[in-house]
mmCIF file of all heavy atoms, coordinates in Angstrom:
data_MODEL
# 
_entry.id   MODEL 
# 
loop_
_atom_site.group_PDB 
_atom_site.id 
_atom_site.type_symbol 
_atom_site.label_atom_id 
_atom_site.label_alt_id 
_atom_site.label_comp_id 
_atom_site.label_asym_id 
_atom_site.label_entity_id 
_atom_site.label_seq_id 
_atom_site.pdbx_PDB_ins_code 
_atom_site.Cartn_x 
_atom_site.Cartn_y 
_atom_site.Cartn_z 
_atom_site.occupancy 
_atom_site.B_iso_or_equiv 
_atom_site.pdbx_formal_charge 
_atom_site.auth_seq_id 
_atom_site.auth_comp_id 
_atom_site.auth_asym_id 
_atom_site.auth_atom_id 
_atom_site.pdbx_PDB_model_num 
ATOM 1   N N   . GLU A 1 1  ? 0.824  -1.193  0.017  1.00 0.00 ? 1  GLU A N   1 
ATOM 2   C CA  . GLU A 1 1  ? 0.001  -0.009  -0.013 1.00 0.00 ? 1  GLU A CA  1 
ATOM 3   C C   . GLU A 1 1  ? 0.864  1.272   -0.010 1.00 0.00 ? 1  GLU A C   1 
ATOM 4   O O   . GLU A 1 1  ? 0.769  2.116   -0.896 1.00 0.00 ? 1  GLU A O   1 
ATOM 5   C CB  . GLU A 1 1  ? -0.938 -0.013  1.194  1.00 0.00 ? 1  GLU A CB  1 
ATOM 6   C CG  . GLU A 1 1  ? -1.988 -1.121  1.185  1.00 0.00 ? 1  GLU A CG  1 
ATOM 7   C CD  . GLU A 1 1  ? -2.976 -0.926  0.048  1.00 0.00 ? 1  GLU A CD  1 
ATOM 8   O OE1 . GLU A 1 1  ? -3.296 0.214   -0.314 1.00 0.00 ? 1  GLU A OE1 1 
ATOM 9   O OE2 . GLU A 1 1  ? -3.447 -1.935  -0.489 1.00 0.00 ? 1  GLU A OE2 1 
ATOM 10  N N   . ASP A 1 2  ? 1.681  1.430   1.026  1.00 0.00 ? 2  ASP A N   1 
ATOM 11  C CA  . ASP A 1 2  ? 2.465  2.674   1.130  1.00 0.00 ? 2  ASP A CA  1 
ATOM 12  C C   . ASP A 1 2  ? 3.955  2.481   0.804  1.00 0.00 ? 2  ASP A C   1 
ATOM 13  O O   . ASP A 1 2  ? 4.724  3.476   0.801  1.00 0.00 ? 2  ASP A O   1 
ATOM 14  C CB  . ASP A 1 2  ? 2.325  3.300   2.514  1.00 0.00 ? 2  ASP A CB  1 
ATOM 15  C CG  . ASP A 1 2  ? 2.923  2.450   3.632  1.00 0.00 ? 2  ASP A CG  1 
ATOM 16  O OD1 . ASP A 1 2  ? 3.573  1.399   3.356  1.00 0.00 ? 2  ASP A OD1 1 
ATOM 17  O OD2 . ASP A 1 2  ? 2.759  2.849   4.808  1.00 0.00 ? 2  ASP A OD2 1 
ATOM 18  N N   . GLY A 1 3  ? 4.421  1.261   0.522  1.00 0.00 ? 3  GLY A N   1 
ATOM 19  C CA  . GLY A 1 3  ? 5.766  1.073   0.127  1.00 0.00 ? 3  GLY A CA  1 
ATOM 20  C C   . GLY A 1 3  ? 6.775  0.969   1.275  1.00 0.00 ? 3  GLY A C   1 
ATOM 21  O O   . GLY A 1 3  ? 7.965  0.685   1.036  1.00 0.00 ? 3  GLY A O   1 
ATOM 22  N N   . ALA A 1 4  ? 6.341  1.228   2.525  1.00 0.00 ? 4  ALA A N   1 
ATOM 23  C CA  . ALA A 1 4  ? 7.310  1.240   3.654  1.00 0.00 ? 4  ALA A CA  1 
ATOM 24  C C   . ALA A 1 4  ? 7.767  -0.157  3.994  1.00 0.00 ? 4  ALA A C   1 
ATOM 25  O O   . ALA A 1 4  ? 6.987  -1.104  3.901  1.00 0.00 ? 4  ALA A O   1 
ATOM 26  C CB  . ALA A 1 4  ? 6.668  1.929   4.829  1.00 0.00 ? 4  ALA A CB  1 
ATOM 27  N N   . MET A 1 5  ? 9.022  -0.284  4.414  1.00 0.00 ? 5  MET A N   1 
ATOM 28  C CA  . MET A 1 5  ? 9.532  -1.565  4.842  1.00 0.00 ? 5  MET A CA  1 
ATOM 29  C C   . MET A 1 5  ? 8.782  -2.077  6.084  1.00 0.00 ? 5  MET A C   1 
ATOM 30  O O   . MET A 1 5  ? 8.453  -1.348  6.983  1.00 0.00 ? 5  MET A O   1 
ATOM 31  C CB  . MET A 1 5  ? 11.022 -1.429  5.176  1.00 0.00 ? 5  MET A CB  1 
ATOM 32  C CG  . MET A 1 5  ? 11.678 -2.640  5.827  1.00 0.00 ? 5  MET A CG  1 
ATOM 33  S SD  . MET A 1 5  ? 13.353 -2.396  6.352  1.00 0.00 ? 5  MET A SD  1 
ATOM 34  C CE  . MET A 1 5  ? 14.229 -2.475  4.770  1.00 0.00 ? 5  MET A CE  1 
ATOM 35  N N   . LYS A 1 6  ? 8.522  -3.387  6.088  1.00 0.00 ? 6  LYS A N   1 
ATOM 36  C CA  . LYS A 1 6  ? 7.978  -4.044  7.246  1.00 0.00 ? 6  LYS A CA  1 
ATOM 37  C C   . LYS A 1 6  ? 9.057  -4.567  8.128  1.00 0.00 ? 6  LYS A C   1 
ATOM 38  O O   . LYS A 1 6  ? 10.035 -5.156  7.624  1.00 0.00 ? 6  LYS A O   1 
ATOM 39  C CB  . LYS A 1 6  ? 7.078  -5.184  6.797  1.00 0.00 ? 6  LYS A CB  1 
ATOM 40  C CG  . LYS A 1 6  ? 5.799  -4.762  6.066  1.00 0.00 ? 6  LYS A CG  1 
ATOM 41  C CD  . LYS A 1 6  ? 4.804  -4.078  6.971  1.00 0.00 ? 6  LYS A CD  1 
ATOM 42  C CE  . LYS A 1 6  ? 3.468  -3.919  6.312  1.00 0.00 ? 6  LYS A CE  1 
ATOM 43  N NZ  . LYS A 1 6  ? 2.511  -3.178  7.202  1.00 0.00 ? 6  LYS A NZ  1 
ATOM 44  N N   . TYR A 1 7  ? 8.968  -4.325  9.427  1.00 0.00 ? 7  TYR A N   1 
ATOM 45  C CA  . TYR A 1 7  ? 9.914  -4.899  10.367 1.00 0.00 ? 7  TYR A CA  1 
ATOM 46  C C   . TYR A 1 7  ? 9.186  -5.138  11.688 1.00 0.00 ? 7  TYR A C   1 
ATOM 47  O O   . TYR A 1 7  ? 8.135  -4.587  11.961 1.00 0.00 ? 7  TYR A O   1 
ATOM 48  C CB  . TYR A 1 7  ? 11.144 -4.039  10.536 1.00 0.00 ? 7  TYR A CB  1 
ATOM 49  C CG  . TYR A 1 7  ? 10.887 -2.599  10.802 1.00 0.00 ? 7  TYR A CG  1 
ATOM 50  C CD1 . TYR A 1 7  ? 10.634 -2.138  12.080 1.00 0.00 ? 7  TYR A CD1 1 
ATOM 51  C CD2 . TYR A 1 7  ? 10.903 -1.619  9.778  1.00 0.00 ? 7  TYR A CD2 1 
ATOM 52  C CE1 . TYR A 1 7  ? 10.412 -0.816  12.358 1.00 0.00 ? 7  TYR A CE1 1 
ATOM 53  C CE2 . TYR A 1 7  ? 10.725 -0.332  10.022 1.00 0.00 ? 7  TYR A CE2 1 
ATOM 54  C CZ  . TYR A 1 7  ? 10.448 0.072   11.331 1.00 0.00 ? 7  TYR A CZ  1 
ATOM 55  O OH  . TYR A 1 7  ? 10.185 1.439   11.551 1.00 0.00 ? 7  TYR A OH  1 
ATOM 56  N N   . GLY A 1 8  ? 9.827  -5.999  12.472 1.00 0.00 ? 8  GLY A N   1 
ATOM 57  C CA  . GLY A 1 8  ? 9.138  -6.448  13.689 1.00 0.00 ? 8  GLY A CA  1 
ATOM 58  C C   . GLY A 1 8  ? 8.143  -7.552  13.330 1.00 0.00 ? 8  GLY A C   1 
ATOM 59  O O   . GLY A 1 8  ? 8.130  -8.144  12.243 1.00 0.00 ? 8  GLY A O   1 
ATOM 60  N N   . LYS A 1 9  ? 7.219  -7.838  14.278 1.00 0.00 ? 9  LYS A N   1 
ATOM 61  C CA  . LYS A 1 9  ? 6.154  -8.811  14.090 1.00 0.00 ? 9  LYS A CA  1 
ATOM 62  C C   . LYS A 1 9  ? 5.024  -8.170  13.338 1.00 0.00 ? 9  LYS A C   1 
ATOM 63  O O   . LYS A 1 9  ? 4.421  -7.220  13.793 1.00 0.00 ? 9  LYS A O   1 
ATOM 64  C CB  . LYS A 1 9  ? 5.707  -9.384  15.428 1.00 0.00 ? 9  LYS A CB  1 
ATOM 65  C CG  . LYS A 1 9  ? 4.712  -10.508 15.337 1.00 0.00 ? 9  LYS A CG  1 
ATOM 66  C CD  . LYS A 1 9  ? 4.348  -11.013 16.694 1.00 0.00 ? 9  LYS A CD  1 
ATOM 67  C CE  . LYS A 1 9  ? 3.331  -12.155 16.664 1.00 0.00 ? 9  LYS A CE  1 
ATOM 68  N NZ  . LYS A 1 9  ? 2.978  -12.645 17.999 1.00 0.00 ? 9  LYS A NZ  1 
ATOM 69  N N   . VAL A 1 10 ? 4.692  -8.690  12.162 1.00 0.00 ? 10 VAL A N   1 
ATOM 70  C CA  . VAL A 1 10 ? 3.652  -8.122  11.319 1.00 0.00 ? 10 VAL A CA  1 
ATOM 71  C C   . VAL A 1 10 ? 2.727  -9.212  10.798 1.00 0.00 ? 10 VAL A C   1 
ATOM 72  O O   . VAL A 1 10 ? 3.182  -10.392 10.624 1.00 0.00 ? 10 VAL A O   1 
ATOM 73  C CB  . VAL A 1 10 ? 4.216  -7.286  10.172 1.00 0.00 ? 10 VAL A CB  1 
ATOM 74  C CG1 . VAL A 1 10 ? 4.985  -6.073  10.682 1.00 0.00 ? 10 VAL A CG1 1 
ATOM 75  C CG2 . VAL A 1 10 ? 5.099  -8.142  9.255  1.00 0.00 ? 10 VAL A CG2 1 
ATOM 76  N N   . LYS A 1 11 ? 1.520  -8.842  10.425 1.00 0.00 ? 11 LYS A N   1 
ATOM 77  C CA  . LYS A 1 11 ? 0.589  -9.746  9.780  1.00 0.00 ? 11 LYS A CA  1 
ATOM 78  C C   . LYS A 1 11 ? 0.447  -9.337  8.341  1.00 0.00 ? 11 LYS A C   1 
ATOM 79  O O   . LYS A 1 11 ? 0.174  -8.202  8.034  1.00 0.00 ? 11 LYS A O   1 
ATOM 80  C CB  . LYS A 1 11 ? -0.759 -9.743  10.523 1.00 0.00 ? 11 LYS A CB  1 
ATOM 81  C CG  . LYS A 1 11 ? -1.633 -10.898 10.134 1.00 0.00 ? 11 LYS A CG  1 
ATOM 82  C CD  . LYS A 1 11 ? -2.867 -11.022 11.036 1.00 0.00 ? 11 LYS A CD  1 
ATOM 83  C CE  . LYS A 1 11 ? -3.658 -12.256 10.728 1.00 0.00 ? 11 LYS A CE  1 
ATOM 84  N NZ  . LYS A 1 11 ? -4.777 -12.428 11.641 1.00 0.00 ? 11 LYS A NZ  1 
ATOM 85  N N   . ILE A 1 12 ? 0.634  -10.231 7.432  1.00 0.00 ? 12 ILE A N   1 
ATOM 86  C CA  . ILE A 1 12 ? 0.567  -9.944  6.029  1.00 0.00 ? 12 ILE A CA  1 
ATOM 87  C C   . ILE A 1 12 ? -0.590 -10.717 5.375  1.00 0.00 ? 12 ILE A C   1 
ATOM 88  O O   . ILE A 1 12 ? -0.714 -11.937 5.573  1.00 0.00 ? 12 ILE A O   1 
ATOM 89  C CB  . ILE A 1 12 ? 1.880  -10.283 5.306  1.00 0.00 ? 12 ILE A CB  1 
ATOM 90  C CG1 . ILE A 1 12 ? 3.046  -9.450  5.879  1.00 0.00 ? 12 ILE A CG1 1 
ATOM 91  C CG2 . ILE A 1 12 ? 1.776  -10.120 3.821  1.00 0.00 ? 12 ILE A CG2 1 
ATOM 92  C CD1 . ILE A 1 12 ? 4.378  -9.733  5.299  1.00 0.00 ? 12 ILE A CD1 1 
ATOM 93  N N   . GLU A 1 13 ? -1.414 -9.984  4.647  1.00 0.00 ? 13 GLU A N   1 
ATOM 94  C CA  . GLU A 1 13 ? -2.534 -10.586 3.946  1.00 0.00 ? 13 GLU A CA  1 
ATOM 95  C C   . GLU A 1 13 ? -2.634 -10.064 2.524  1.00 0.00 ? 13 GLU A C   1 
ATOM 96  O O   . GLU A 1 13 ? -2.250 -8.912  2.235  1.00 0.00 ? 13 GLU A O   1 
ATOM 97  C CB  . GLU A 1 13 ? -3.843 -10.304 4.663  1.00 0.00 ? 13 GLU A CB  1 
ATOM 98  C CG  . GLU A 1 13 ? -3.991 -10.908 6.083  1.00 0.00 ? 13 GLU A CG  1 
ATOM 99  C CD  . GLU A 1 13 ? -5.275 -10.571 6.757  1.00 0.00 ? 13 GLU A CD  1 
ATOM 100 O OE1 . GLU A 1 13 ? -5.911 -9.564  6.344  1.00 0.00 ? 13 GLU A OE1 1 
ATOM 101 O OE2 . GLU A 1 13 ? -5.655 -11.246 7.702  1.00 0.00 ? 13 GLU A OE2 1 
ATOM 102 N N   . ASP A 1 14 ? -3.108 -10.938 1.636  1.00 0.00 ? 14 ASP A N   1 
ATOM 103 C CA  . ASP A 1 14 ? -3.325 -10.564 0.258  1.00 0.00 ? 14 ASP A CA  1 
ATOM 104 C C   . ASP A 1 14 ? -2.080 -10.065 -0.474 1.00 0.00 ? 14 ASP A C   1 
ATOM 105 O O   . ASP A 1 14 ? -2.192 -9.191  -1.330 1.00 0.00 ? 14 ASP A O   1 
ATOM 106 C CB  . ASP A 1 14 ? -4.474 -9.512  0.172  1.00 0.00 ? 14 ASP A CB  1 
ATOM 107 C CG  . ASP A 1 14 ? -5.769 -10.002 0.762  1.00 0.00 ? 14 ASP A CG  1 
ATOM 108 O OD1 . ASP A 1 14 ? -6.104 -11.204 0.577  1.00 0.00 ? 14 ASP A OD1 1 
ATOM 109 O OD2 . ASP A 1 14 ? -6.465 -9.206  1.396  1.00 0.00 ? 14 ASP A OD2 1 
ATOM 110 N N   . ALA A 1 15 ? -0.957 -10.557 -0.087 1.00 0.00 ? 15 ALA A N   1 
ATOM 111 C CA  . ALA A 1 15 ? 0.283  -10.195 -0.755 1.00 0.00 ? 15 ALA A CA  1 
ATOM 112 C C   . ALA A 1 15 ? 0.479  -11.068 -1.995 1.00 0.00 ? 15 ALA A C   1 
ATOM 113 O O   . ALA A 1 15 ? 0.064  -12.245 -2.047 1.00 0.00 ? 15 ALA A O   1 
ATOM 114 C CB  . ALA A 1 15 ? 1.470  -10.360 0.171  1.00 0.00 ? 15 ALA A CB  1 
ATOM 115 N N   . ASP A 1 16 ? 1.108  -10.494 -3.009 1.00 0.00 ? 16 ASP A N   1 
ATOM 116 C CA  . ASP A 1 16 ? 1.302  -11.240 -4.257 1.00 0.00 ? 16 ASP A CA  1 
ATOM 117 C C   . ASP A 1 16 ? 2.393  -12.338 -4.094 1.00 0.00 ? 16 ASP A C   1 
ATOM 118 O O   . ASP A 1 16 ? 2.326  -13.346 -4.800 1.00 0.00 ? 16 ASP A O   1 
ATOM 119 C CB  . ASP A 1 16 ? 1.721  -10.306 -5.365 1.00 0.00 ? 16 ASP A CB  1 
ATOM 120 C CG  . ASP A 1 16 ? 0.578  -9.378  -5.802 1.00 0.00 ? 16 ASP A CG  1 
ATOM 121 O OD1 . ASP A 1 16 ? -0.617 -9.747  -5.583 1.00 0.00 ? 16 ASP A OD1 1 
ATOM 122 O OD2 . ASP A 1 16 ? 0.893  -8.269  -6.287 1.00 0.00 ? 16 ASP A OD2 1 
ATOM 123 N N   . ASP A 1 17 ? 3.336  -12.147 -3.245 1.00 0.00 ? 17 ASP A N   1 
ATOM 124 C CA  . ASP A 1 17 ? 4.485  -13.005 -3.181 1.00 0.00 ? 17 ASP A CA  1 
ATOM 125 C C   . ASP A 1 17 ? 4.754  -13.631 -1.807 1.00 0.00 ? 17 ASP A C   1 
ATOM 126 O O   . ASP A 1 17 ? 5.785  -14.255 -1.578 1.00 0.00 ? 17 ASP A O   1 
ATOM 127 C CB  . ASP A 1 17 ? 5.723  -12.276 -3.638 1.00 0.00 ? 17 ASP A CB  1 
ATOM 128 C CG  . ASP A 1 17 ? 5.769  -10.852 -3.173 1.00 0.00 ? 17 ASP A CG  1 
ATOM 129 O OD1 . ASP A 1 17 ? 5.033  -10.493 -2.266 1.00 0.00 ? 17 ASP A OD1 1 
ATOM 130 O OD2 . ASP A 1 17 ? 6.528  -10.053 -3.761 1.00 0.00 ? 17 ASP A OD2 1 
ATOM 131 N N   . LEU A 1 18 ? 3.797  -13.512 -0.901 1.00 0.00 ? 18 LEU A N   1 
ATOM 132 C CA  . LEU A 1 18 ? 3.901  -14.134 0.419  1.00 0.00 ? 18 LEU A CA  1 
ATOM 133 C C   . LEU A 1 18 ? 2.570  -14.713 0.811  1.00 0.00 ? 18 LEU A C   1 
ATOM 134 O O   . LEU A 1 18 ? 1.520  -14.088 0.548  1.00 0.00 ? 18 LEU A O   1 
ATOM 135 C CB  . LEU A 1 18 ? 4.392  -13.121 1.490  1.00 0.00 ? 18 LEU A CB  1 
ATOM 136 C CG  . LEU A 1 18 ? 5.835  -12.701 1.446  1.00 0.00 ? 18 LEU A CG  1 
ATOM 137 C CD1 . LEU A 1 18 ? 6.096  -11.666 2.571  1.00 0.00 ? 18 LEU A CD1 1 
ATOM 138 C CD2 . LEU A 1 18 ? 6.798  -13.847 1.579  1.00 0.00 ? 18 LEU A CD2 1 
ATOM 139 N N   . ASP A 1 19 ? 2.603  -15.849 1.561  1.00 0.00 ? 19 ASP A N   1 
ATOM 140 C CA  . ASP A 1 19 ? 1.395  -16.432 2.014  1.00 0.00 ? 19 ASP A CA  1 
ATOM 141 C C   . ASP A 1 19 ? 0.809  -15.576 3.193  1.00 0.00 ? 19 ASP A C   1 
ATOM 142 O O   . ASP A 1 19 ? 1.593  -14.907 3.877  1.00 0.00 ? 19 ASP A O   1 
ATOM 143 C CB  . ASP A 1 19 ? 1.613  -17.866 2.528  1.00 0.00 ? 19 ASP A CB  1 
ATOM 144 C CG  . ASP A 1 19 ? 2.039  -18.797 1.408  1.00 0.00 ? 19 ASP A CG  1 
ATOM 145 O OD1 . ASP A 1 19 ? 1.626  -18.613 0.274  1.00 0.00 ? 19 ASP A OD1 1 
ATOM 146 O OD2 . ASP A 1 19 ? 2.758  -19.776 1.727  1.00 0.00 ? 19 ASP A OD2 1 
ATOM 147 N N   . ASP A 1 20 ? -0.496 -15.602 3.311  1.00 0.00 ? 20 ASP A N   1 
ATOM 148 C CA  . ASP A 1 20 ? -1.101 -14.883 4.452  1.00 0.00 ? 20 ASP A CA  1 
ATOM 149 C C   . ASP A 1 20 ? -0.557 -15.484 5.745  1.00 0.00 ? 20 ASP A C   1 
ATOM 150 O O   . ASP A 1 20 ? -0.407 -16.726 5.859  1.00 0.00 ? 20 ASP A O   1 
ATOM 151 C CB  . ASP A 1 20 ? -2.617 -15.070 4.399  1.00 0.00 ? 20 ASP A CB  1 
ATOM 152 C CG  . ASP A 1 20 ? -3.251 -14.316 3.248  1.00 0.00 ? 20 ASP A CG  1 
ATOM 153 O OD1 . ASP A 1 20 ? -2.532 -13.575 2.541  1.00 0.00 ? 20 ASP A OD1 1 
ATOM 154 O OD2 . ASP A 1 20 ? -4.499 -14.441 3.065  1.00 0.00 ? 20 ASP A OD2 1 
ATOM 155 N N   . GLY A 1 21 ? -0.324 -14.620 6.684  1.00 0.00 ? 21 GLY A N   1 
ATOM 156 C CA  . GLY A 1 21 ? 0.178  -15.131 7.991  1.00 0.00 ? 21 GLY A CA  1 
ATOM 157 C C   . GLY A 1 21 ? 0.967  -14.115 8.735  1.00 0.00 ? 21 GLY A C   1 
ATOM 158 O O   . GLY A 1 21 ? 1.038  -12.903 8.405  1.00 0.00 ? 21 GLY A O   1 
ATOM 159 N N   . THR A 1 22 ? 1.557  -14.597 9.827  1.00 0.00 ? 22 THR A N   1 
ATOM 160 C CA  . THR A 1 22 ? 2.395  -13.767 10.690 1.00 0.00 ? 22 THR A CA  1 
ATOM 161 C C   . THR A 1 22 ? 3.848  -13.908 10.334 1.00 0.00 ? 22 THR A C   1 
ATOM 162 O O   . THR A 1 22 ? 4.327  -15.021 10.117 1.00 0.00 ? 22 THR A O   1 
ATOM 163 C CB  . THR A 1 22 ? 2.157  -14.111 12.157 1.00 0.00 ? 22 THR A CB  1 
ATOM 164 O OG1 . THR A 1 22 ? 0.753  -13.912 12.488 1.00 0.00 ? 22 THR A OG1 1 
ATOM 165 C CG2 . THR A 1 22 ? 3.020  -13.213 13.070 1.00 0.00 ? 22 THR A CG2 1 
ATOM 166 N N   . TYR A 1 23 ? 4.570  -12.784 10.322 1.00 0.00 ? 23 TYR A N   1 
ATOM 167 C CA  . TYR A 1 23 ? 5.978  -12.775 9.965  1.00 0.00 ? 23 TYR A CA  1 
ATOM 168 C C   . TYR A 1 23 ? 6.759  -11.953 10.970 1.00 0.00 ? 23 TYR A C   1 
ATOM 169 O O   . TYR A 1 23 ? 6.185  -11.055 11.655 1.00 0.00 ? 23 TYR A O   1 
ATOM 170 C CB  . TYR A 1 23 ? 6.164  -12.210 8.553  1.00 0.00 ? 23 TYR A CB  1 
ATOM 171 C CG  . TYR A 1 23 ? 5.631  -13.085 7.447  1.00 0.00 ? 23 TYR A CG  1 
ATOM 172 C CD1 . TYR A 1 23 ? 4.273  -13.076 7.180  1.00 0.00 ? 23 TYR A CD1 1 
ATOM 173 C CD2 . TYR A 1 23 ? 6.476  -13.882 6.702  1.00 0.00 ? 23 TYR A CD2 1 
ATOM 174 C CE1 . TYR A 1 23 ? 3.769  -13.875 6.167  1.00 0.00 ? 23 TYR A CE1 1 
ATOM 175 C CE2 . TYR A 1 23 ? 5.973  -14.693 5.673  1.00 0.00 ? 23 TYR A CE2 1 
ATOM 176 C CZ  . TYR A 1 23 ? 4.617  -14.663 5.411  1.00 0.00 ? 23 TYR A CZ  1 
ATOM 177 O OH  . TYR A 1 23 ? 4.128  -15.465 4.413  1.00 0.00 ? 23 TYR A OH  1 
ATOM 178 N N   . TYR A 1 24 ? 8.059  -12.236 11.031 1.00 0.00 ? 24 TYR A N   1 
ATOM 179 C CA  . TYR A 1 24 ? 8.939  -11.418 11.845 1.00 0.00 ? 24 TYR A CA  1 
ATOM 180 C C   . TYR A 1 24 ? 10.138 -11.034 11.019 1.00 0.00 ? 24 TYR A C   1 
ATOM 181 O O   . TYR A 1 24 ? 10.843 -11.869 10.433 1.00 0.00 ? 24 TYR A O   1 
ATOM 182 C CB  . TYR A 1 24 ? 9.367  -12.110 13.129 1.00 0.00 ? 24 TYR A CB  1 
ATOM 183 C CG  . TYR A 1 24 ? 10.282 -11.207 13.960 1.00 0.00 ? 24 TYR A CG  1 
ATOM 184 C CD1 . TYR A 1 24 ? 9.719  -10.203 14.716 1.00 0.00 ? 24 TYR A CD1 1 
ATOM 185 C CD2 . TYR A 1 24 ? 11.649 -11.380 13.992 1.00 0.00 ? 24 TYR A CD2 1 
ATOM 186 C CE1 . TYR A 1 24 ? 10.563 -9.359  15.449 1.00 0.00 ? 24 TYR A CE1 1 
ATOM 187 C CE2 . TYR A 1 24 ? 12.464 -10.540 14.717 1.00 0.00 ? 24 TYR A CE2 1 
ATOM 188 C CZ  . TYR A 1 24 ? 11.927 -9.516  15.456 1.00 0.00 ? 24 TYR A CZ  1 
ATOM 189 O OH  . TYR A 1 24 ? 12.702 -8.683  16.158 1.00 0.00 ? 24 TYR A OH  1 
ATOM 190 N N   . PHE A 1 25 ? 10.419 -9.685  10.937 1.00 0.00 ? 25 PHE A N   1 
ATOM 191 C CA  . PHE A 1 25 ? 11.555 -9.140  10.304 1.00 0.00 ? 25 PHE A CA  1 
ATOM 192 C C   . PHE A 1 25 ? 12.420 -8.396  11.336 1.00 0.00 ? 25 PHE A C   1 
ATOM 193 O O   . PHE A 1 25 ? 11.842 -7.722  12.222 1.00 0.00 ? 25 PHE A O   1 
ATOM 194 C CB  . PHE A 1 25 ? 11.130 -8.199  9.174  1.00 0.00 ? 25 PHE A CB  1 
ATOM 195 C CG  . PHE A 1 25 ? 10.234 -8.857  8.139  1.00 0.00 ? 25 PHE A CG  1 
ATOM 196 C CD1 . PHE A 1 25 ? 8.872  -8.760  8.247  1.00 0.00 ? 25 PHE A CD1 1 
ATOM 197 C CD2 . PHE A 1 25 ? 10.819 -9.562  7.092  1.00 0.00 ? 25 PHE A CD2 1 
ATOM 198 C CE1 . PHE A 1 25 ? 8.064  -9.373  7.268  1.00 0.00 ? 25 PHE A CE1 1 
ATOM 199 C CE2 . PHE A 1 25 ? 9.983  -10.180 6.119  1.00 0.00 ? 25 PHE A CE2 1 
ATOM 200 C CZ  . PHE A 1 25 ? 8.643  -10.083 6.227  1.00 0.00 ? 25 PHE A CZ  1 
ATOM 201 N N   . VAL A 1 26 ? 13.706 -8.568  11.223 1.00 0.00 ? 26 VAL A N   1 
ATOM 202 C CA  . VAL A 1 26 ? 14.583 -7.984  12.229 1.00 0.00 ? 26 VAL A CA  1 
ATOM 203 C C   . VAL A 1 26 ? 14.250 -6.515  12.506 1.00 0.00 ? 26 VAL A C   1 
ATOM 204 O O   . VAL A 1 26 ? 14.075 -5.699  11.585 1.00 0.00 ? 26 VAL A O   1 
ATOM 205 C CB  . VAL A 1 26 ? 16.069 -8.079  11.720 1.00 0.00 ? 26 VAL A CB  1 
ATOM 206 C CG1 . VAL A 1 26 ? 16.995 -7.386  12.727 1.00 0.00 ? 26 VAL A CG1 1 
ATOM 207 C CG2 . VAL A 1 26 ? 16.479 -9.547  11.589 1.00 0.00 ? 26 VAL A CG2 1 
# 
């Protein structure tokens, strides 16, 4: 949506290249 980097614990949905779910980025 806004192009900003995701970091920390995030929930991703409806992404073209990642499965829906919870992720953690440093």
